[in-house]
N, C-alpha and C. Protein backbone atom coordinates (compact mmCIF):
# COMPACT_ATOMS: atom_id res chain seq x y z
N MET A 1 93.88 -50.50 175.37
CA MET A 1 92.80 -50.56 174.42
C MET A 1 91.51 -50.23 175.16
N GLU A 2 90.67 -49.43 174.56
CA GLU A 2 89.42 -49.01 175.20
C GLU A 2 88.26 -49.82 174.65
N TRP A 3 87.51 -50.43 175.54
CA TRP A 3 86.35 -51.24 175.17
C TRP A 3 85.10 -50.47 175.52
N LYS A 4 84.15 -50.42 174.59
CA LYS A 4 82.89 -49.73 174.82
C LYS A 4 81.78 -50.77 174.76
N LEU A 5 81.24 -51.09 175.92
CA LEU A 5 80.20 -52.11 176.01
C LEU A 5 78.98 -51.53 176.70
N ASP A 6 77.81 -51.96 176.23
CA ASP A 6 76.57 -51.54 176.88
C ASP A 6 75.62 -52.73 176.93
N ASP A 7 74.49 -52.53 177.57
CA ASP A 7 73.53 -53.62 177.76
C ASP A 7 72.50 -53.72 176.65
N SER A 8 72.66 -52.96 175.59
CA SER A 8 71.64 -52.94 174.55
C SER A 8 71.67 -54.19 173.67
N ARG A 9 72.84 -54.84 173.57
CA ARG A 9 73.00 -56.03 172.72
C ARG A 9 73.92 -57.01 173.43
N PRO A 10 73.94 -58.26 172.99
CA PRO A 10 74.83 -59.22 173.64
C PRO A 10 76.29 -58.73 173.64
N ILE A 11 76.95 -58.91 174.77
CA ILE A 11 78.32 -58.43 174.94
C ILE A 11 79.27 -59.10 173.94
N TRP A 12 79.10 -60.40 173.71
CA TRP A 12 80.03 -61.10 172.82
C TRP A 12 79.97 -60.53 171.40
N ILE A 13 78.78 -60.08 170.97
CA ILE A 13 78.65 -59.49 169.64
C ILE A 13 79.38 -58.15 169.60
N GLN A 14 79.24 -57.36 170.67
CA GLN A 14 79.93 -56.07 170.72
C GLN A 14 81.45 -56.28 170.72
N LEU A 15 81.91 -57.29 171.46
CA LEU A 15 83.35 -57.60 171.48
C LEU A 15 83.83 -58.02 170.09
N GLN A 16 83.05 -58.87 169.44
CA GLN A 16 83.42 -59.33 168.10
C GLN A 16 83.50 -58.16 167.14
N GLU A 17 82.54 -57.25 167.19
CA GLU A 17 82.56 -56.08 166.32
C GLU A 17 83.78 -55.20 166.59
N GLN A 18 84.09 -54.99 167.86
CA GLN A 18 85.23 -54.14 168.20
C GLN A 18 86.55 -54.80 167.80
N LEU A 19 86.66 -56.10 168.00
CA LEU A 19 87.87 -56.80 167.57
C LEU A 19 88.01 -56.76 166.05
N THR A 20 86.90 -56.89 165.35
CA THR A 20 86.93 -56.80 163.89
C THR A 20 87.47 -55.45 163.46
N ARG A 21 86.97 -54.39 164.07
CA ARG A 21 87.46 -53.04 163.73
C ARG A 21 88.94 -52.88 164.06
N MET A 22 89.36 -53.47 165.19
CA MET A 22 90.78 -53.40 165.55
C MET A 22 91.65 -54.07 164.49
N ILE A 23 91.17 -55.16 163.95
CA ILE A 23 91.91 -55.86 162.90
C ILE A 23 91.91 -55.02 161.62
N LEU A 24 90.75 -54.52 161.23
CA LEU A 24 90.64 -53.80 159.96
C LEU A 24 91.33 -52.44 159.99
N THR A 25 91.51 -51.86 161.17
CA THR A 25 92.19 -50.57 161.26
C THR A 25 93.68 -50.71 161.56
N GLY A 26 94.16 -51.96 161.68
CA GLY A 26 95.58 -52.17 161.87
C GLY A 26 96.03 -52.24 163.31
N ARG A 27 95.11 -52.17 164.27
CA ARG A 27 95.51 -52.33 165.68
C ARG A 27 96.15 -53.70 165.86
N PHE A 28 95.54 -54.71 165.22
CA PHE A 28 96.13 -56.04 165.11
C PHE A 28 96.38 -56.26 163.62
N ARG A 29 97.62 -56.47 163.26
CA ARG A 29 98.00 -56.58 161.84
C ARG A 29 97.90 -58.02 161.34
N ALA A 30 97.81 -58.14 160.02
CA ALA A 30 97.77 -59.46 159.38
C ALA A 30 98.96 -60.29 159.84
N GLY A 31 98.68 -61.52 160.26
CA GLY A 31 99.72 -62.43 160.71
C GLY A 31 100.11 -62.26 162.17
N GLU A 32 99.64 -61.19 162.81
CA GLU A 32 100.01 -60.92 164.19
C GLU A 32 99.26 -61.86 165.14
N ARG A 33 99.95 -62.28 166.17
CA ARG A 33 99.34 -63.13 167.20
C ARG A 33 98.51 -62.25 168.14
N LEU A 34 97.29 -62.67 168.40
CA LEU A 34 96.43 -61.94 169.32
C LEU A 34 96.80 -62.29 170.76
N PRO A 35 96.51 -61.38 171.69
CA PRO A 35 96.69 -61.73 173.10
C PRO A 35 95.80 -62.93 173.45
N SER A 36 96.10 -63.57 174.55
CA SER A 36 95.32 -64.74 174.96
C SER A 36 93.88 -64.33 175.28
N VAL A 37 93.02 -65.33 175.28
CA VAL A 37 91.61 -65.10 175.64
C VAL A 37 91.53 -64.46 177.02
N ARG A 38 92.27 -65.00 177.96
CA ARG A 38 92.23 -64.46 179.34
C ARG A 38 92.72 -63.02 179.40
N ASP A 39 93.78 -62.72 178.65
CA ASP A 39 94.31 -61.35 178.65
C ASP A 39 93.30 -60.38 178.05
N LEU A 40 92.72 -60.75 176.92
CA LEU A 40 91.72 -59.89 176.29
C LEU A 40 90.49 -59.72 177.19
N ALA A 41 90.05 -60.82 177.81
CA ALA A 41 88.89 -60.76 178.70
C ALA A 41 89.16 -59.86 179.89
N SER A 42 90.34 -59.97 180.45
CA SER A 42 90.70 -59.14 181.59
C SER A 42 90.72 -57.66 181.20
N GLU A 43 91.31 -57.40 180.05
CA GLU A 43 91.39 -56.02 179.55
C GLU A 43 90.00 -55.42 179.31
N ALA A 44 89.09 -56.25 178.77
CA ALA A 44 87.74 -55.77 178.47
C ALA A 44 86.82 -55.82 179.68
N GLY A 45 87.25 -56.50 180.73
CA GLY A 45 86.42 -56.62 181.93
C GLY A 45 85.25 -57.57 181.75
N VAL A 46 85.47 -58.65 181.00
CA VAL A 46 84.41 -59.62 180.75
C VAL A 46 84.90 -61.02 181.13
N ASN A 47 83.96 -61.94 181.19
CA ASN A 47 84.26 -63.33 181.47
C ASN A 47 85.04 -63.93 180.28
N PRO A 48 86.04 -64.76 180.54
CA PRO A 48 86.79 -65.38 179.43
C PRO A 48 85.90 -66.16 178.46
N ASN A 49 84.82 -66.77 178.96
CA ASN A 49 83.92 -67.50 178.07
C ASN A 49 83.24 -66.56 177.07
N THR A 50 82.93 -65.36 177.53
CA THR A 50 82.31 -64.36 176.65
C THR A 50 83.30 -63.93 175.57
N MET A 51 84.55 -63.70 175.97
CA MET A 51 85.58 -63.32 175.00
C MET A 51 85.84 -64.47 174.03
N GLN A 52 85.85 -65.70 174.53
CA GLN A 52 86.08 -66.86 173.66
C GLN A 52 84.99 -66.94 172.60
N ARG A 53 83.76 -66.64 172.98
CA ARG A 53 82.65 -66.68 172.01
C ARG A 53 82.86 -65.62 170.93
N ALA A 54 83.32 -64.43 171.32
CA ALA A 54 83.60 -63.37 170.34
C ALA A 54 84.72 -63.79 169.40
N LEU A 55 85.76 -64.38 169.94
CA LEU A 55 86.89 -64.81 169.12
C LEU A 55 86.51 -65.96 168.20
N ALA A 56 85.63 -66.83 168.67
CA ALA A 56 85.15 -67.92 167.81
C ALA A 56 84.40 -67.34 166.62
N GLY A 57 83.71 -66.22 166.83
CA GLY A 57 83.03 -65.54 165.72
C GLY A 57 84.02 -65.02 164.70
N LEU A 58 85.15 -64.50 165.17
CA LEU A 58 86.20 -64.04 164.25
C LEU A 58 86.78 -65.21 163.46
N ASP A 59 86.95 -66.34 164.14
CA ASP A 59 87.43 -67.54 163.45
C ASP A 59 86.45 -67.94 162.35
N ALA A 60 85.15 -67.93 162.69
CA ALA A 60 84.12 -68.34 161.74
C ALA A 60 84.08 -67.42 160.51
N GLU A 61 84.38 -66.14 160.72
CA GLU A 61 84.38 -65.18 159.60
C GLU A 61 85.69 -65.24 158.81
N GLY A 62 86.66 -65.98 159.33
CA GLY A 62 87.94 -66.10 158.64
C GLY A 62 88.93 -64.99 158.96
N LEU A 63 88.57 -64.12 159.90
CA LEU A 63 89.46 -63.01 160.26
C LEU A 63 90.64 -63.47 161.11
N THR A 64 90.45 -64.54 161.84
CA THR A 64 91.52 -65.09 162.65
C THR A 64 91.68 -66.57 162.35
N VAL A 65 92.87 -67.05 162.66
CA VAL A 65 93.21 -68.46 162.45
C VAL A 65 93.75 -68.98 163.77
N THR A 66 93.21 -70.10 164.22
CA THR A 66 93.67 -70.68 165.48
C THR A 66 94.61 -71.84 165.21
N ASN A 67 95.75 -71.80 165.88
CA ASN A 67 96.74 -72.86 165.77
C ASN A 67 97.01 -73.34 167.20
N ARG A 68 96.87 -74.61 167.41
CA ARG A 68 97.03 -75.17 168.77
C ARG A 68 98.31 -74.72 169.46
N THR A 69 99.39 -74.67 168.73
CA THR A 69 100.68 -74.36 169.35
C THR A 69 101.04 -72.88 169.29
N ALA A 70 100.53 -72.17 168.30
CA ALA A 70 100.92 -70.77 168.12
C ALA A 70 99.85 -69.79 168.60
N GLY A 71 98.71 -70.29 169.03
CA GLY A 71 97.64 -69.40 169.46
C GLY A 71 96.83 -68.90 168.28
N ARG A 72 96.17 -67.81 168.47
CA ARG A 72 95.28 -67.25 167.45
C ARG A 72 95.97 -66.06 166.79
N THR A 73 95.99 -66.07 165.45
CA THR A 73 96.61 -64.97 164.70
C THR A 73 95.58 -64.37 163.74
N VAL A 74 95.86 -63.15 163.34
CA VAL A 74 95.03 -62.47 162.34
C VAL A 74 95.35 -63.08 160.98
N THR A 75 94.32 -63.29 160.18
CA THR A 75 94.52 -63.88 158.86
C THR A 75 95.45 -63.01 158.02
N GLU A 76 96.14 -63.65 157.12
CA GLU A 76 96.98 -62.93 156.16
C GLU A 76 96.33 -62.91 154.78
N ASP A 77 95.09 -63.39 154.71
CA ASP A 77 94.34 -63.45 153.46
C ASP A 77 93.71 -62.08 153.18
N ASP A 78 94.32 -61.34 152.27
CA ASP A 78 93.83 -59.99 151.96
C ASP A 78 92.40 -59.99 151.45
N SER A 79 91.99 -61.04 150.76
CA SER A 79 90.62 -61.07 150.24
C SER A 79 89.60 -61.14 151.38
N VAL A 80 89.94 -61.83 152.46
CA VAL A 80 89.05 -61.88 153.62
C VAL A 80 88.97 -60.50 154.28
N LEU A 81 90.12 -59.88 154.45
CA LEU A 81 90.16 -58.55 155.08
C LEU A 81 89.44 -57.52 154.22
N ASP A 82 89.68 -57.53 152.92
CA ASP A 82 89.01 -56.59 152.01
C ASP A 82 87.51 -56.83 151.98
N GLY A 83 87.11 -58.10 151.99
CA GLY A 83 85.69 -58.43 152.00
C GLY A 83 84.99 -57.91 153.25
N MET A 84 85.65 -58.04 154.40
CA MET A 84 85.05 -57.55 155.65
C MET A 84 85.01 -56.03 155.66
N ARG A 85 86.04 -55.38 155.14
CA ARG A 85 86.01 -53.91 155.04
C ARG A 85 84.82 -53.46 154.20
N ALA A 86 84.62 -54.13 153.07
CA ALA A 86 83.50 -53.79 152.19
C ALA A 86 82.17 -54.03 152.89
N LYS A 87 82.06 -55.12 153.61
CA LYS A 87 80.82 -55.44 154.33
C LYS A 87 80.50 -54.35 155.35
N LEU A 88 81.50 -53.93 156.11
CA LEU A 88 81.28 -52.88 157.10
C LEU A 88 80.97 -51.54 156.45
N ALA A 89 81.63 -51.24 155.34
CA ALA A 89 81.36 -49.99 154.62
C ALA A 89 79.94 -49.97 154.09
N HIS A 90 79.47 -51.09 153.56
CA HIS A 90 78.09 -51.17 153.06
C HIS A 90 77.09 -50.96 154.19
N GLU A 91 77.40 -51.48 155.36
CA GLU A 91 76.51 -51.29 156.52
C GLU A 91 76.47 -49.82 156.92
N LEU A 92 77.60 -49.15 156.90
CA LEU A 92 77.63 -47.71 157.22
C LEU A 92 76.83 -46.91 156.19
N ILE A 93 76.94 -47.27 154.94
CA ILE A 93 76.19 -46.59 153.88
C ILE A 93 74.70 -46.80 154.07
N ARG A 94 74.31 -48.04 154.39
CA ARG A 94 72.90 -48.34 154.64
C ARG A 94 72.37 -47.50 155.79
N GLN A 95 73.15 -47.40 156.86
CA GLN A 95 72.74 -46.61 158.02
C GLN A 95 72.62 -45.13 157.66
N PHE A 96 73.55 -44.64 156.84
CA PHE A 96 73.49 -43.23 156.41
C PHE A 96 72.21 -42.95 155.64
N TYR A 97 71.92 -43.80 154.64
CA TYR A 97 70.71 -43.61 153.85
C TYR A 97 69.45 -43.69 154.71
N GLU A 98 69.43 -44.63 155.63
CA GLU A 98 68.28 -44.78 156.52
C GLU A 98 68.08 -43.52 157.37
N ALA A 99 69.16 -43.00 157.92
CA ALA A 99 69.07 -41.79 158.74
C ALA A 99 68.64 -40.59 157.90
N ALA A 100 69.18 -40.47 156.68
CA ALA A 100 68.82 -39.37 155.80
C ALA A 100 67.34 -39.46 155.40
N GLU A 101 66.87 -40.66 155.14
CA GLU A 101 65.46 -40.84 154.79
C GLU A 101 64.55 -40.47 155.95
N GLN A 102 64.99 -40.74 157.17
CA GLN A 102 64.21 -40.35 158.35
C GLN A 102 64.12 -38.83 158.47
N LEU A 103 65.12 -38.14 157.92
CA LEU A 103 65.11 -36.68 157.92
C LEU A 103 64.32 -36.10 156.74
N GLY A 104 63.83 -36.99 155.87
CA GLY A 104 63.00 -36.53 154.76
C GLY A 104 63.71 -36.44 153.43
N TYR A 105 64.95 -36.89 153.36
CA TYR A 105 65.70 -36.85 152.10
C TYR A 105 65.45 -38.12 151.29
N THR A 106 65.42 -37.97 149.98
CA THR A 106 65.41 -39.14 149.11
C THR A 106 66.84 -39.67 149.05
N ARG A 107 67.01 -40.85 148.49
CA ARG A 107 68.36 -41.40 148.34
C ARG A 107 69.22 -40.50 147.47
N GLU A 108 68.62 -39.96 146.42
CA GLU A 108 69.37 -39.08 145.51
C GLU A 108 69.81 -37.81 146.23
N GLN A 109 68.91 -37.23 147.02
CA GLN A 109 69.26 -36.03 147.77
C GLN A 109 70.34 -36.33 148.80
N ALA A 110 70.23 -37.49 149.45
CA ALA A 110 71.22 -37.87 150.45
C ALA A 110 72.59 -38.07 149.80
N LEU A 111 72.61 -38.67 148.62
CA LEU A 111 73.85 -38.86 147.89
C LEU A 111 74.47 -37.52 147.52
N GLU A 112 73.65 -36.58 147.10
CA GLU A 112 74.14 -35.25 146.75
C GLU A 112 74.73 -34.56 147.99
N LEU A 113 74.07 -34.69 149.13
CA LEU A 113 74.61 -34.13 150.37
C LEU A 113 75.97 -34.75 150.69
N LEU A 114 76.07 -36.03 150.50
CA LEU A 114 77.31 -36.73 150.77
C LEU A 114 78.43 -36.24 149.86
N LYS A 115 78.12 -36.08 148.58
CA LYS A 115 79.11 -35.59 147.62
C LYS A 115 79.58 -34.17 148.00
N ARG A 116 78.65 -33.31 148.40
CA ARG A 116 79.01 -31.94 148.76
C ARG A 116 79.81 -31.87 150.05
N SER A 117 79.57 -32.80 150.97
CA SER A 117 80.28 -32.76 152.24
C SER A 117 81.72 -33.19 152.11
N GLY A 118 82.05 -33.89 151.03
CA GLY A 118 83.42 -34.36 150.83
C GLY A 118 84.33 -33.31 150.25
N SER A 119 83.80 -32.18 149.85
CA SER A 119 84.65 -31.15 149.22
C SER A 119 85.04 -30.06 150.17
């Protein structure tokens, strides 16, 4: 797994975002057990405490479930997964409109560009 980290934002937030995308894209499937904190931290080249903080964020969002004996697994609650997909999609749309507006397009013009690019 390839981790992309930079110094522009807190590392644990970047890890949480990347883990979220891994879950939503099927890298880690619903109900699947995640690797241990130490294994993930080693793979990402970060301190285990930093990885634990990122994973705690996934727990808080409901994307993962921690079980003392079984470890941490990806939620099987489709409504949580669908809700997070929608949240990320809305953020991408917001970023698109913002970038288009910086180029001088109105929202309507940006939407028209988007519609034409899909064909």
